[in-house]
Amino acid sequence: MNAAECSATWLSAPRFVHHSPLTTHHSLAIALCSLCVLCGELRAEITGKDVQQAIARGVAYLRQAQAVDGSWQYGNRQEYIQGATALVVLALVNAGVPADDPAVLTGITYFTSREHTNTYSTSLVAMALAEADPKKYFAKIEEAAQWLMRNQNQDGTWSYMGVLRGRSYDNSNTQFGVLGLHAAARAGVAIPKEVWEKIEDHFRSTQNRDGGWGYHGGRQADASYGSMTCAGLGSLFICDGRLHYETDVCGKYIEDKAIAAGLNWLGKFFTVTENPGKKTSWHYYYLYGIERVGVIAAMKYIGGHDWYREGAEQILRRQSRDGSWYSVVDTAFALLFLGKGRAPVLFNKLRWRGDWNNDRHDLENLSRFISETFGQKLSWQTVDLGAPLTEWLEAPILFLNGHTGPKLTPQEIQKLAEYVGQGGFIFAEACCARIDFDAGFRAIMAQAFPERQLERLEADHPIYRSFFKIEGKVPLLYGLSVSCRTSVVFSPTDLSCFWERENVKSGAFEMGTNIAAYATGMDPLRDKLDKISLVAAKRGAEEPPPRGALIIAQVRHQGDWHPDPLSMNRLLAELREKANVDVGVEKRPVKLVDSDLFDYAVLYMTGHRRFELAAEEKARLRRYLERGGFLFADACCGKTEFDEAFRSLMKDLFPKNPLEALPQGHALFETGHKIKTVKYRKALQATLPGDQPPHLEAVTLEGKIAVVYSKHNFGCGLENHPCSECKGLLPEDAMRVAFNVVLYGLTN
């Protein structure tokens, strides 16, 4: 089906309206829903999948462009083949190609067997080796770093061929010298302080009055342009991290006017269609610089522009049919932008009105530690208090700390509650154990969650063993539970000051890693370009649901009957969007003895703990199911207590109609999505690894399925919140299967 046909189908499809379970269901529904699911939505914006496909094509192009000796060419410039080869290896590894891939290994063999002769090549050798395997290649990285330090000019700069011999320096070679030494330092090579000081002095003293940088500075200064302004900014950010973290006092920072002026220039002239000030010259080199500034400064926006989304759209638009971007070198720069810039965002650091950034490098260092620990590149960014809720949700963790008590408006406090309700996780910390922040944050939580309170987390809480096993006297943490997990964690003692110092061994990095592992459940993080959909707000009393709309009723029993309060709301929204089902915005709680029980086509039942129904409740549920009603149930987090209680209930209600596993290929797995396999969360991966056939059980009455049950959790996945000990399906598969279950119940 082509795009036009798909669009026409969506526009012309009739609305599917539910009637009472005792009336006839629509026979058109299965065909209609299957058609709509197969069509999908037309995508106006690029997605993470689009970027991944472009990266794969770019990688394929570079593979076929590699010479027999392992090198990649740079036009006719023989002296830069070593550098071009190192650049491509750097790009391949950042694009996800393993460090032991033959193309990478032969490339490394080629450029490590050559002598160092120029700044570009030597810097890229250090960068590529540090990215591939810093321990394995440490000696070669150190060798490259020593060459760079020997060939640094007295004014902190670099020229093409080493120490200045009648040739002027330039900021392009200089920034590569900085990048090479930065990579070496990260790998463990000792770089003297004066090396960084000279670099910093150079870029501060040669900045143009407009805030940008050109190819030269000082007496030879030329006009500012994009790629060199990125070079100056990136170099100053690196020097700041290398020089000042040991001398800075927590919370007492002086604004860096040179960096502020550079960012102002870049924001003022920002574009992704050309290299500002140089038009089309060195366009991909400029985009590589934009990526570096955006990542190192933890900025989602530059000059009001979503730099990664806009840059990725431009790069994908310009990709050639053979997968390249004009040349080998431009292809490498394009892949570096796409690959490095798309690292999933783990933390959003909240910019609230006050001392929100006392430790400027805390999350930078923690994110790097977690990336190395998890074996996956992760990033962080800052987010404004007034940013849309969808931007807060781009990261699974919202981090806020300070010395003073945060002052938030009632609307801002409600926004924190909504963030948690939409699946977010808040981690707060009283920096330097300041009691003002402690008291202020507790007051905010009391307003945001009036029915809950922060309670001390006991030593057996899973957060202390979510990745590292923390034994003995555990760090003091408080938590507040929403849904079926601890969704807010507060540390009244300092962690961020230890993260700021990077190499300090205090256990703070391990605790930070555990907080991240618990908050994410070790589930895959969302792609940076993924569209975020919010669960619709509750209808007001003045806005009743449409007549005949499907409303899923959630059974109120004497156990914990609604551990995931938004799970059914999300499912209803998906049914409306993807299957054209006319639905209410939210689920409806119902007791089995309520007079309107028989008005609902679908009941949903869940919980963690054991429950029992009274005789009248059992009789009403039996009558509801025998008269054509449909029950969907699951054990929240896969808890055995609920599982045992539900099985006992079904045995009491229908002793001659036991729960039986649905076979693969059953019509339910074809109603809507075509489901052959699903993936389970980390807590089940030891017993159910990789792709598995879906496991559902059913009670059949008079030839029709009346009950569908899963001992594995759906609710946490439907809410799309991580849950570290949840025995359930990953969110995407939980939604697909639950979608089919409800459609099958309605149409069968």
Foldseek 3Di string as FASTA:
>chain_A
DDLVVLVVLVVPPDFQFFFFLLDAFDQCQLVQLQSLLVSDDDDPADFPVLLLVLLVLLLVLVVVQADPQLWHDDPPPPVCRLLLLLLLLLLCVLSPDALPPPSNVSSLVVNLVDDDFWLNNLLSNLNNCLSRPLVVCVVSLLVSLVQLVQQQEPLLFHQTGGNDDPDDGWLVSRLSSLNSVLSSVVSPHDDDLVNLVSNLVQLVVFQDPQLAADGDGDPPGDDGWQLSLLSSLLSNLSSCLVHPLVPDDQLDDDDDVSNVSSLVVCLVQPDLCDTGPPGPPCSLSSLLSVLSNCQSQQHCDRNNDSSLRRNSVNLSVQQDPSSANPGSNSSSSSSSSSSVNFAQEAEEQEDAPASFCRQVCLVVLLQVVLCVVVVGRYGHHYDYLPDDLQVNVSHQEYETEDQAQGDDDLVSLLSVLLNVLLFHAYEYEHAQLHVRNVVNVQVSVCSNCVPKHWDWDDLPPCLCVLPNNDDDDDATKTFIDAQQDGRYIYHSHHLSSVSSVNPDDDCSSVSVSSVSCQQFLPDDRGTSRDDDDGQDDADDPVDDAPPSAAAEEEEDFPAPWCSSQCLVLLLQVCCCVRSSHRHHNHHHYDYLPDPCPSRHQEYETEHQAAGDDDPVSLVSVLVSLQSRHAYEYEYWLLHVRHVVNVQVSCCVSCVPFHWDKDDQPPVLCSRNHNAQWFAWRPLCCVPVNDTDGDTWIFTDDPRHTRYIYYSADLSCLSSQHHHNRRGHTHNVVSSSSVNSSVSRSSND
